[in-house]
């Protein structure tokens, strides 16, 4: 299969073939991706994918209601957990982001309704032929970054936001030569 060129080894291959670019509308899964994209800052996505199950365990299945109540004891536990990225700022950001996530959900009904509003509720279908055409950020990711930051989220720069948009299917950035591009081009607005 002529996959996108970044998916050449596991766990990237499985992630590419089964998840990346597939529209996500489940709030808990959206929080997971928001957390993992922030954790990835300065690291490779492969590193984060290899630690994903450890993250799920360490962060209570990415339940924002629980994470928002983490205190000093949980931070100490997480800093000692070799299965995750032990960065104090990223751990603190996850806790802060859980609180901000819950506030957004209260305001909009779902985080899904909020985050997908940046693309009008429908995946943007790009038609890149080469990886060097794929942008690191866009007008939409910059707007998302500004608004998330204004709402108290951390580790949500424009590049991280664009990676989130790619991961959760807000944009279809599979190359047109990749079979996943055509498969995902049929993704429509959530009913």
Protein backbone atom coordinates (compact mmCIF):
# COMPACT_ATOMS: atom_id res chain seq x y z
CA UNK A 1 0.00 0.00 0.00
CA UNK A 2 1.48 3.39 -0.96
CA UNK A 3 1.01 5.02 2.45
CA UNK A 4 1.98 8.52 3.39
CA UNK A 5 5.80 8.47 3.67
CA UNK A 6 5.90 9.05 7.45
CA UNK A 7 4.20 5.69 8.07
CA UNK A 8 7.01 3.22 7.43
CA UNK A 9 7.42 1.47 10.80
CA UNK A 10 5.17 0.41 13.67
CA UNK A 11 3.38 1.86 15.52
CA UNK A 12 3.09 4.55 12.82
CA UNK A 13 1.77 2.14 10.18
CA UNK A 14 -1.17 0.94 12.26
CA UNK A 15 -1.90 4.47 13.48
CA UNK A 16 -1.85 5.76 9.88
CA UNK A 17 -4.01 2.93 8.54
CA UNK A 18 -6.60 2.91 11.32
CA UNK A 19 -6.76 6.33 13.00
CA UNK A 20 -4.91 9.32 11.58
CA UNK A 21 -7.30 11.61 9.78
CA UNK A 22 -10.44 9.73 10.78
CA UNK A 23 -13.00 12.22 12.14
CA UNK A 24 -13.27 11.99 15.93
CA UNK A 25 -16.34 13.32 17.74
CA UNK A 26 -16.10 11.59 21.12
CA UNK A 27 -15.14 14.11 23.81
CA UNK A 28 -12.95 11.74 25.81
CA UNK A 29 -11.03 10.72 22.68
CA UNK A 30 -10.67 14.38 21.72
CA UNK A 31 -9.17 15.07 25.15
CA UNK A 32 -6.78 12.14 24.67
CA UNK A 33 -5.54 13.56 21.37
CA UNK A 34 -5.26 17.08 22.81
CA UNK A 35 -3.13 15.66 25.64
CA UNK A 36 -0.95 13.50 23.42
CA UNK A 37 -0.32 16.29 20.90
CA UNK A 38 0.82 18.56 23.75
CA UNK A 39 3.03 15.80 25.15
CA UNK A 40 4.62 15.39 21.72
CA UNK A 41 5.97 18.96 21.62
CA UNK A 42 9.70 18.68 20.98
CA UNK A 43 9.55 14.90 20.57
CA UNK A 44 8.66 12.47 17.81
CA UNK A 45 5.10 11.25 17.37
CA UNK A 46 6.49 7.70 17.31
CA UNK A 47 7.74 8.19 20.88
CA UNK A 48 4.27 9.29 22.00
CA UNK A 49 2.51 6.44 20.19
CA UNK A 50 4.78 3.94 21.94
CA UNK A 51 3.83 5.50 25.29
CA UNK A 52 0.11 5.85 24.51
CA UNK A 53 -1.10 2.91 26.59
CA UNK A 54 1.05 4.11 29.49
CA UNK A 55 -0.58 7.53 29.15
CA UNK A 56 -4.04 5.97 29.23
CA UNK A 57 -3.16 4.13 32.43
CA UNK A 58 -1.32 7.02 34.09
CA UNK A 59 -4.02 9.60 33.26
CA UNK A 60 -7.07 7.55 34.27
CA UNK A 61 -8.19 6.77 30.74
CA UNK A 62 -8.07 10.47 29.82
CA UNK A 63 -11.17 11.23 31.87
CA UNK A 64 -11.02 15.03 32.18
CA UNK A 65 -13.37 15.06 35.19
CA UNK A 66 -10.87 13.02 37.17
CA UNK A 67 -7.71 14.70 35.85
CA UNK A 68 -9.08 18.16 36.67
CA UNK A 69 -8.98 17.16 40.35
CA UNK A 70 -5.34 16.00 40.34
CA UNK A 71 -3.22 17.52 43.06
CA UNK A 72 0.36 17.35 44.29
CA UNK A 73 0.21 13.60 45.02
CA UNK A 74 -0.83 12.77 41.45
CA UNK A 75 1.80 15.12 39.99
CA UNK A 76 4.49 13.39 42.08
CA UNK A 77 3.22 9.98 40.89
CA UNK A 78 3.28 11.10 37.25
CA UNK A 79 6.78 12.58 37.52
CA UNK A 80 7.99 9.17 38.72
CA UNK A 81 6.23 7.25 35.90
CA UNK A 82 8.84 6.19 33.31
CA UNK A 83 6.03 5.13 30.96
CA UNK A 84 5.15 8.74 30.09
CA UNK A 85 7.05 11.92 29.26
CA UNK A 86 8.05 13.12 32.73
CA UNK A 87 7.95 16.82 32.07
CA UNK A 88 6.51 18.89 34.91
CA UNK A 89 5.17 21.58 32.56
CA UNK A 90 3.43 19.05 30.32
CA UNK A 91 1.90 17.27 33.30
CA UNK A 92 0.68 20.57 34.76
CA UNK A 93 -0.68 21.51 31.32
CA UNK A 94 -2.69 18.28 31.15
CA UNK A 95 -4.32 19.07 34.50
CA UNK A 96 -5.00 22.68 33.50
CA UNK A 97 -6.30 21.54 30.11
CA UNK A 98 -8.73 19.14 31.80
CA UNK A 99 -10.18 22.06 33.75
CA UNK A 100 -10.40 24.25 30.65
CA UNK A 101 -11.87 21.34 28.66
CA UNK A 102 -14.67 20.95 31.20
CA UNK A 103 -15.39 24.70 31.04
CA UNK A 104 -15.61 24.56 27.23
CA UNK A 105 -17.88 21.55 27.42
CA UNK A 106 -20.15 23.36 29.87
CA UNK A 107 -20.33 26.39 27.55
CA UNK A 108 -20.83 24.53 24.25
CA UNK A 109 -22.52 21.31 25.39
CA UNK A 110 -19.63 19.23 24.03
CA UNK A 111 -15.97 19.87 23.33
CA UNK A 112 -16.69 18.31 19.94
CA UNK A 113 -19.11 21.14 19.01
CA UNK A 114 -16.49 23.71 20.00
CA UNK A 115 -13.40 22.24 18.34
CA UNK A 116 -15.11 21.30 15.07
CA UNK A 117 -16.47 24.85 14.74
CA UNK A 118 -13.02 25.90 13.50
CA UNK A 119 -13.69 24.01 10.24
CA UNK A 120 -17.44 24.56 10.10
CA UNK A 121 -18.18 21.06 11.42
CA UNK A 122 -16.87 19.33 8.32
CA UNK A 123 -13.42 17.91 7.44
CA UNK A 124 -11.37 20.06 5.10
CA UNK A 125 -10.28 17.95 2.13
CA UNK A 126 -6.73 18.83 1.10
CA UNK A 127 -5.11 17.44 -2.02
CA UNK A 128 -1.38 17.31 -1.29
CA UNK A 129 0.86 15.35 -3.65
CA UNK A 130 4.09 15.66 -1.63
CA UNK A 131 4.83 15.90 2.07
CA UNK A 132 6.59 19.24 1.63
CA UNK A 133 3.24 20.74 0.56
CA UNK A 134 1.60 19.90 3.91
CA UNK A 135 1.63 23.01 6.12
CA UNK A 136 2.73 23.08 9.75
CA UNK A 137 -0.08 25.50 10.60
CA UNK A 138 -2.99 27.26 8.93
CA UNK A 139 -5.30 30.21 9.53
CA UNK A 140 -7.70 27.79 11.26
CA UNK A 141 -5.05 26.31 13.54
CA UNK A 142 -3.86 29.80 14.45
CA UNK A 143 -7.42 30.84 15.34
CA UNK A 144 -7.85 27.64 17.36
CA UNK A 145 -4.56 28.21 19.18
CA UNK A 146 -5.48 31.78 20.09
CA UNK A 147 -8.92 30.80 21.36
CA UNK A 148 -7.70 27.76 23.32
CA UNK A 149 -4.99 29.90 24.91
CA UNK A 150 -7.53 32.58 25.80
CA UNK A 151 -9.57 29.87 27.52
CA UNK A 152 -6.60 28.78 29.64
CA UNK A 153 -5.30 25.79 27.65
CA UNK A 154 -1.54 25.13 27.61
CA UNK A 155 0.71 23.55 24.96
CA UNK A 156 -1.70 24.60 22.24
CA UNK A 157 0.47 26.51 19.79
CA UNK A 158 -0.63 26.74 16.17
CA UNK A 159 1.58 23.81 15.07
CA UNK A 160 0.25 21.59 17.86
CA UNK A 161 -3.30 22.62 16.94
CA UNK A 162 -2.70 21.73 13.30
CA UNK A 163 -1.32 18.33 14.29
CA UNK A 164 -4.48 17.87 16.39
CA UNK A 165 -6.63 18.84 13.40
CA UNK A 166 -4.83 16.24 11.28
CA UNK A 167 -5.09 13.52 13.92
CA UNK A 168 -8.81 13.96 14.60
CA UNK A 169 -9.78 14.30 10.95
CA UNK A 170 -10.63 18.00 10.84
CA UNK A 171 -8.34 18.07 7.80
CA UNK A 172 -7.57 15.23 5.42
CA UNK A 173 -3.81 15.53 4.98
CA UNK A 174 -3.19 12.06 3.59
CA UNK A 175 -1.41 12.48 0.28
CA UNK A 176 -3.68 11.95 -2.73
CA UNK A 177 -1.54 8.91 -3.64
CA UNK A 178 -2.44 7.26 -0.31
CA UNK A 179 -5.57 5.05 -0.38
CA UNK A 180 -6.66 6.56 2.95
CA UNK A 181 -7.13 9.94 1.26
CA UNK A 182 -9.97 8.73 -0.95
CA UNK A 183 -11.49 6.65 1.86
CA UNK A 184 -11.58 9.65 4.21
CA UNK A 185 -12.68 12.09 1.51
CA UNK A 186 -16.15 10.62 2.01
CA UNK A 187 -16.20 11.80 5.66
CA UNK A 188 -19.03 14.23 6.17
CA UNK A 189 -20.41 16.51 8.82
CA UNK A 190 -21.46 14.72 11.98
CA UNK A 191 -25.20 14.16 12.09
